C-alpha atoms as a PDB file:
ATOM      1  CA  HIS A   1       0.253  -0.100   0.072  1.00  0.00           C
ATOM      2  CA  VAL A   2       0.910   4.034  -0.217  1.00  0.00           C
ATOM      3  CA  GLN A   3       2.764   5.224   2.567  1.00  0.00           C
ATOM      4  CA  LEU A   4       4.789   9.231   2.987  1.00  0.00           C
ATOM      5  CA  GLN A   5       6.982   9.417   5.537  1.00  0.00           C
ATOM      6  CA  ALA A   6       7.360  13.017   6.304  1.00  0.00           C
ATOM      7  CA  SER A   7      10.380  15.204   7.566  1.00  0.00           C
ATOM      8  CA  GLY A   8      12.683  17.862   8.007  1.00  0.00           C
ATOM      9  CA  GLY A   9      10.158  20.011  10.503  1.00  0.00           C
ATOM     10  CA  GLY A  10      12.091  20.997  13.227  1.00  0.00           C
ATOM     11  CA  LEU A  11      12.171  24.675  15.579  1.00  0.00           C
ATOM     12  CA  VAL A  12      13.154  27.524  13.672  1.00  0.00           C
ATOM     13  CA  HIS A  13      13.546  31.332  14.514  1.00  0.00           C
ATOM     14  CA  ALA A  14      11.507  33.733  12.776  1.00  0.00           C
ATOM     15  CA  GLY A  15      13.639  34.663   9.112  1.00  0.00           C
ATOM     16  CA  GLY A  16      15.275  31.033   8.934  1.00  0.00           C
ATOM     17  CA  SER A  17      14.646  28.189   6.519  1.00  0.00           C
ATOM     18  CA  LEU A  18      13.504  24.878   6.350  1.00  0.00           C
ATOM     19  CA  ARG A  19      12.901  22.229   3.949  1.00  0.00           C
ATOM     20  CA  LEU A  20      10.577  19.037   4.044  1.00  0.00           C
ATOM     21  CA  SER A  21      10.343  16.746   2.274  1.00  0.00           C
ATOM     22  CA  CYS A  22       7.945  13.546   2.091  1.00  0.00           C
ATOM     23  CA  ALA A  23       8.646   9.974   1.119  1.00  0.00           C
ATOM     24  CA  GLN A  24       6.810   7.923  -1.201  1.00  0.00           C
ATOM     25  CA  HIS A  25       6.568   4.583  -0.843  1.00  0.00           C
ATOM     26  CA  GLY A  26       4.562   1.655  -2.444  1.00  0.00           C
ATOM     27  CA  PRO A  27       3.706   0.597  -5.909  1.00  0.00           C
ATOM     28  CA  ALA A  28       3.268   3.851  -8.670  1.00  0.00           C
ATOM     29  CA  PHE A  29       0.529   5.425 -10.171  1.00  0.00           C
ATOM     30  CA  SER A  30      -0.653   8.324 -12.145  1.00  0.00           C
ATOM     31  CA  ILE A  31      -0.243  11.542 -10.257  1.00  0.00           C
ATOM     32  CA  ALA A  32      -2.835  14.272 -10.577  1.00  0.00           C
ATOM     33  CA  ALA A  33      -1.359  16.089  -8.067  1.00  0.00           C
ATOM     34  CA  ARG A  34       1.637  17.103  -4.808  1.00  0.00           C
ATOM     35  CA  GLY A  35       1.895  19.074  -2.653  1.00  0.00           C
ATOM     36  CA  TRP A  36       1.627  20.120   1.414  1.00  0.00           C
ATOM     37  CA  TYR A  37      -1.318  21.446   3.350  1.00  0.00           C
ATOM     38  CA  ARG A  38      -0.615  23.009   7.354  1.00  0.00           C
ATOM     39  CA  GLN A  39      -2.955  22.800  10.238  1.00  0.00           C
ATOM     40  CA  ALA A  40      -2.096  25.076  13.121  1.00  0.00           C
ATOM     41  CA  PRO A  41      -3.277  24.869  16.322  1.00  0.00           C
ATOM     42  CA  GLY A  42      -7.226  25.928  16.737  1.00  0.00           C
ATOM     43  CA  LYS A  43      -7.483  26.799  12.593  1.00  0.00           C
ATOM     44  CA  GLN A  44      -8.590  24.447  10.217  1.00  0.00           C
ATOM     45  CA  ARG A  45      -5.896  22.656   7.572  1.00  0.00           C
ATOM     46  CA  GLU A  46      -5.465  25.101   4.986  1.00  0.00           C
ATOM     47  CA  LEU A  47      -3.375  24.139   1.337  1.00  0.00           C
ATOM     48  CA  VAL A  48      -0.006  25.613   1.570  1.00  0.00           C
ATOM     49  CA  ALA A  49       1.564  24.592  -2.015  1.00  0.00           C
ATOM     50  CA  LEU A  50       0.332  21.971  -5.141  1.00  0.00           C
ATOM     51  CA  ILE A  51       1.988  20.751  -8.087  1.00  0.00           C
ATOM     52  CA  SER A  52      -0.091  19.028 -10.922  1.00  0.00           C
ATOM     53  CA  GLY A  53       1.145  15.908 -12.648  1.00  0.00           C
ATOM     54  CA  GLY A  54       2.064  18.599 -15.494  1.00  0.00           C
ATOM     55  CA  GLY A  55       3.807  20.689 -13.819  1.00  0.00           C
ATOM     56  CA  LYS A  56       1.269  23.949 -12.462  1.00  0.00           C
ATOM     57  CA  ILE A  57       2.140  25.033  -9.329  1.00  0.00           C
ATOM     58  CA  THR A  58       0.250  26.577  -6.912  1.00  0.00           C
ATOM     59  CA  TYR A  59       0.962  28.602  -3.993  1.00  0.00           C
ATOM     60  CA  ALA A  60      -1.539  30.206  -0.747  1.00  0.00           C
ATOM     61  CA  ASP A  61      -1.145  34.291  -0.964  1.00  0.00           C
ATOM     62  CA  SER A  62       0.383  33.965   2.515  1.00  0.00           C
ATOM     63  CA  VAL A  63       3.336  32.383   1.262  1.00  0.00           C
ATOM     64  CA  LYS A  64       4.375  33.684  -1.927  1.00  0.00           C
ATOM     65  CA  GLY A  65       7.545  34.798  -2.515  1.00  0.00           C
ATOM     66  CA  ARG A  66       9.160  32.596   0.479  1.00  0.00           C
ATOM     67  CA  PHE A  67       7.973  29.175  -0.314  1.00  0.00           C
ATOM     68  CA  VAL A  68       8.910  26.779  -2.770  1.00  0.00           C
ATOM     69  CA  VAL A  69       7.657  23.157  -3.918  1.00  0.00           C
ATOM     70  CA  ASP A  70       9.537  20.709  -5.979  1.00  0.00           C
ATOM     71  CA  ARG A  71      10.120  16.703  -6.548  1.00  0.00           C
ATOM     72  CA  ASP A  72      10.563  14.093  -8.433  1.00  0.00           C
ATOM     73  CA  LYS A  73      10.095  10.573  -9.271  1.00  0.00           C
ATOM     74  CA  SER A  74       9.043   9.638  -5.412  1.00  0.00           C
ATOM     75  CA  THR A  75       9.415  12.678  -2.927  1.00  0.00           C
ATOM     76  CA  ILE A  76       8.029  16.312  -2.839  1.00  0.00           C
ATOM     77  CA  PHE A  77       9.490  18.884  -1.207  1.00  0.00           C
ATOM     78  CA  LEU A  78       8.315  22.166   0.695  1.00  0.00           C
ATOM     79  CA  GLN A  79      11.495  24.274   0.773  1.00  0.00           C
ATOM     80  CA  MET A  80      10.823  27.286   3.074  1.00  0.00           C
ATOM     81  CA  HIS A  81      12.151  30.583   3.192  1.00  0.00           C
ATOM     82  CA  ASP A  82      11.695  33.863   5.699  1.00  0.00           C
ATOM     83  CA  LEU A  83       9.572  31.559   8.218  1.00  0.00           C
ATOM     84  CA  LYS A  84       7.062  33.908  10.288  1.00  0.00           C
ATOM     85  CA  PHE A  85       5.620  33.561  13.565  1.00  0.00           C
ATOM     86  CA  GLU A  86       2.282  32.638  12.006  1.00  0.00           C
ATOM     87  CA  ASP A  87       4.012  29.527  10.381  1.00  0.00           C
ATOM     88  CA  THR A  88       3.369  27.870  12.622  1.00  0.00           C
ATOM     89  CA  ALA A  89       2.015  24.641  12.287  1.00  0.00           C
ATOM     90  CA  VAL A  90       1.796  20.696  11.574  1.00  0.00           C
ATOM     91  CA  TYR A  91       2.704  20.229   7.261  1.00  0.00           C
ATOM     92  CA  TYR A  92       0.922  17.700   5.840  1.00  0.00           C
ATOM     93  CA  CYS A  93       2.325  16.648   2.372  1.00  0.00           C
ATOM     94  CA  ILE A  94      -0.775  14.775   0.031  1.00  0.00           C
ATOM     95  CA  ILE A  95      -0.750  13.111  -3.355  1.00  0.00           C
ATOM     96  CA  ASP A  96      -3.350  12.622  -5.538  1.00  0.00           C
ATOM     97  CA  PRO A  97      -3.613   9.679  -7.674  1.00  0.00           C
ATOM     98  CA  VAL A  98      -5.801  10.575 -11.192  1.00  0.00           C
ATOM     99  CA  ASP A  99      -8.244   8.080  -9.888  1.00  0.00           C
ATOM    100  CA  GLY A 100      -9.824  11.043  -7.411  1.00  0.00           C
ATOM    101  CA  SER A 101      -8.168   9.709  -3.774  1.00  0.00           C
ATOM    102  CA  ARG A 102      -5.043  11.479  -1.668  1.00  0.00           C
ATOM    103  CA  TYR A 103      -3.208   9.609   0.217  1.00  0.00           C
ATOM    104  CA  TRP A 104      -1.881  12.191   3.424  1.00  0.00           C
ATOM    105  CA  GLY A 105       1.291  11.502   4.836  1.00  0.00           C
ATOM    106  CA  GLN A 106       1.387  11.349   8.764  1.00  0.00           C
ATOM    107  CA  GLY A 107       2.765  15.640   9.595  1.00  0.00           C
ATOM    108  CA  THR A 108       5.383  17.137  10.705  1.00  0.00           C
ATOM    109  CA  GLN A 109       6.333  19.774  12.849  1.00  0.00           C
ATOM    110  CA  VAL A 110       7.167  23.259  11.725  1.00  0.00           C
ATOM    111  CA  THR A 111       7.708  25.878  14.721  1.00  0.00           C
ATOM    112  CA  VAL A 112       9.198  29.156  14.328  1.00  0.00           C
ATOM    113  CA  SER A 113      10.026  31.161  17.192  1.00  0.00           C
ATOM    114  CA  SER A 114       9.183  34.626  17.554  1.00  0.00           C
END
């Protein structure tokens, strides 16, 4: 079965950088999109960045110009620069197969100290 293993979270000072990775394990399949969501304490889960199978990229307005999403064959990356206190959240990677389903990673905590 498919598993997504996220890593790279941690504690960083405001203005710092982190790089998240999400490794896909299991059988290969056609991908409609891959990306990252996040959920801050007391808030709803929100889209951070999404990259379609064709390479189209969508970013949340709050991270544009600071975060970069990328991928290779089996890993999704999220490079985060100029981190702000409000970026503190649990970050989840996702993969959407072309059948309309969605796989979620287990989440990795990002904490930005002000």
